[in-house]
């Protein structure tokens, strides 16, 4: 099934927040997020924030999923780094190539960047997709403050 990948717009806000609630309540994510965070994320995606981009996956007016990326630079790899912060596809659209299409799209948009993402070890379906799209597991322990 074909889909259009486009930048998030104000009109997408409610449906994307609904998908964020589902995503952050699932076993795919360790934290539950919050309404305040969801709102801030979307406002940054549709606003003028230079660090984050939001995308929706759409087919015939139906939003199938969304993604958010964050821009940075990796001194480890010596090039721009695009973090795939969120990628969520509604259950009924999974396995149709939407995720792969997004990774192809973002790879073409940023051909000289390194791409990074986090995934829960139990999320086998996502792990398989990411490996199929060329991602490799890194032996890092991530920390936050």
Protein backbone atom coordinates (compact mmCIF):
# COMPACT_ATOMS: atom_id res chain seq x y z
CA UNK A 1 0.00 0.00 0.00
CA UNK A 2 1.44 3.34 -1.03
CA UNK A 3 1.61 6.20 1.38
CA UNK A 4 2.70 9.79 1.27
CA UNK A 5 5.32 10.88 3.78
CA UNK A 6 4.88 14.54 4.58
CA UNK A 7 5.73 17.02 7.31
CA UNK A 8 3.35 17.22 10.23
CA UNK A 9 0.88 20.09 10.13
CA UNK A 10 -1.40 21.72 12.69
CA UNK A 11 -4.36 19.75 11.31
CA UNK A 12 -2.58 16.48 12.28
CA UNK A 13 -2.15 17.39 15.94
CA UNK A 14 -5.09 15.48 17.47
CA UNK A 15 -4.52 12.24 15.55
CA UNK A 16 -0.77 12.31 16.19
CA UNK A 17 -1.32 12.86 19.91
CA UNK A 18 -3.68 9.85 19.91
CA UNK A 19 -0.97 7.76 18.24
CA UNK A 20 1.62 9.05 20.72
CA UNK A 21 -0.60 7.94 23.60
CA UNK A 22 -0.83 4.45 22.08
CA UNK A 23 2.91 4.31 21.32
CA UNK A 24 4.04 5.51 24.75
CA UNK A 25 1.61 3.18 26.54
CA UNK A 26 2.95 0.17 24.61
CA UNK A 27 5.83 -2.12 25.59
CA UNK A 28 7.86 -0.52 22.76
CA UNK A 29 8.67 2.46 25.00
CA UNK A 30 10.02 2.47 28.56
CA UNK A 31 8.47 5.79 29.58
CA UNK A 32 4.79 6.69 29.44
CA UNK A 33 5.30 10.26 28.28
CA UNK A 34 2.73 12.86 29.29
CA UNK A 35 0.18 15.13 27.69
CA UNK A 36 2.54 18.05 28.33
CA UNK A 37 5.41 16.29 26.54
CA UNK A 38 3.21 15.18 23.63
CA UNK A 39 1.96 18.74 23.16
CA UNK A 40 5.50 20.17 23.36
CA UNK A 41 6.81 17.60 20.87
CA UNK A 42 4.13 18.33 18.29
CA UNK A 43 4.38 22.08 18.75
CA UNK A 44 8.12 21.80 18.12
CA UNK A 45 7.53 19.65 15.02
CA UNK A 46 5.03 22.03 13.45
CA UNK A 47 6.74 25.18 14.70
CA UNK A 48 10.12 26.70 14.00
CA UNK A 49 12.28 24.40 16.14
CA UNK A 50 15.45 23.62 14.14
CA UNK A 51 16.21 20.43 16.08
CA UNK A 52 13.16 18.26 15.41
CA UNK A 53 11.06 17.27 12.42
CA UNK A 54 7.70 15.53 12.47
CA UNK A 55 6.30 13.40 9.68
CA UNK A 56 3.00 11.66 9.03
CA UNK A 57 2.37 8.67 6.79
CA UNK A 58 -0.84 9.20 4.85
CA UNK A 59 -2.85 7.25 2.30
CA UNK A 60 -6.01 8.65 0.73
CA UNK A 61 -6.50 11.03 3.64
CA UNK A 62 -5.94 8.34 6.30
CA UNK A 63 -3.03 8.89 8.68
CA UNK A 64 -1.28 5.52 9.03
CA UNK A 65 1.44 6.59 11.43
CA UNK A 66 3.99 9.21 12.33
CA UNK A 67 7.68 9.72 12.98
CA UNK A 68 9.79 12.33 14.73
CA UNK A 69 13.48 12.90 14.13
CA UNK A 70 16.01 14.99 16.01
CA UNK A 71 19.06 16.55 14.39
CA UNK A 72 22.52 16.65 15.87
CA UNK A 73 26.15 15.92 15.11
CA UNK A 74 28.07 12.76 15.99
CA UNK A 75 31.70 13.32 16.89
CA UNK A 76 31.98 9.53 17.06
CA UNK A 77 31.16 9.25 13.35
CA UNK A 78 32.27 12.74 12.24
CA UNK A 79 29.02 13.64 10.52
CA UNK A 80 25.48 14.85 11.11
CA UNK A 81 23.36 12.50 13.20
CA UNK A 82 19.64 12.00 12.76
CA UNK A 83 17.96 10.33 15.72
CA UNK A 84 14.75 8.52 14.89
CA UNK A 85 13.02 9.55 18.12
CA UNK A 86 9.58 8.08 17.40
CA UNK A 87 8.24 5.89 14.66
CA UNK A 88 4.75 4.53 15.07
CA UNK A 89 2.53 2.78 12.56
CA UNK A 90 -1.05 1.86 13.41
CA UNK A 91 -1.52 -1.89 13.82
CA UNK A 92 -3.66 -2.31 10.71
CA UNK A 93 -0.94 -0.74 8.51
CA UNK A 94 2.05 -2.68 9.87
CA UNK A 95 3.88 -5.05 7.56
CA UNK A 96 2.89 -3.09 4.43
CA UNK A 97 6.25 -1.39 3.84
CA UNK A 98 5.47 1.96 5.47
CA UNK A 99 8.40 1.76 7.91
CA UNK A 100 10.85 0.81 5.16
CA UNK A 101 9.51 3.62 2.98
CA UNK A 102 10.17 6.08 5.79
CA UNK A 103 13.75 4.88 6.29
CA UNK A 104 14.35 5.13 2.52
CA UNK A 105 12.85 8.64 2.53
CA UNK A 106 14.89 9.91 5.47
CA UNK A 107 18.05 8.30 4.06
CA UNK A 108 17.56 10.14 0.77
CA UNK A 109 16.82 13.40 2.59
CA UNK A 110 20.01 13.15 4.68
CA UNK A 111 22.41 11.04 2.58
CA UNK A 112 25.54 12.06 4.53
CA UNK A 113 24.14 11.48 8.02
CA UNK A 114 24.42 8.63 10.47
CA UNK A 115 21.06 7.41 11.76
CA UNK A 116 20.43 6.22 15.29
CA UNK A 117 17.44 4.92 17.17
CA UNK A 118 16.49 3.07 20.32
CA UNK A 119 14.47 -0.13 20.41
CA UNK A 120 13.33 -2.44 23.17
CA UNK A 121 14.88 -5.92 22.86
CA UNK A 122 11.42 -7.49 23.14
CA UNK A 123 10.15 -5.55 20.11
CA UNK A 124 11.21 -8.27 17.67
CA UNK A 125 9.10 -7.00 14.78
CA UNK A 126 10.71 -3.55 14.97
CA UNK A 127 14.19 -5.06 15.41
CA UNK A 128 13.71 -7.10 12.25
CA UNK A 129 12.59 -4.04 10.29
CA UNK A 130 15.51 -1.96 11.52
CA UNK A 131 18.03 -4.68 10.66
CA UNK A 132 16.43 -5.07 7.22
CA UNK A 133 16.90 -1.31 6.74
CA UNK A 134 20.62 -1.53 7.59
CA UNK A 135 20.69 -0.67 11.30
CA UNK A 136 23.18 -2.52 13.50
CA UNK A 137 23.02 -3.08 17.24
CA UNK A 138 25.56 -1.03 19.20
CA UNK A 139 26.84 -2.27 22.57
CA UNK A 140 26.13 0.99 24.38
CA UNK A 141 24.64 1.73 27.73
CA UNK A 142 22.76 4.98 27.47
CA UNK A 143 22.53 7.34 30.42
CA UNK A 144 20.41 10.41 31.11
CA UNK A 145 20.17 13.07 33.76
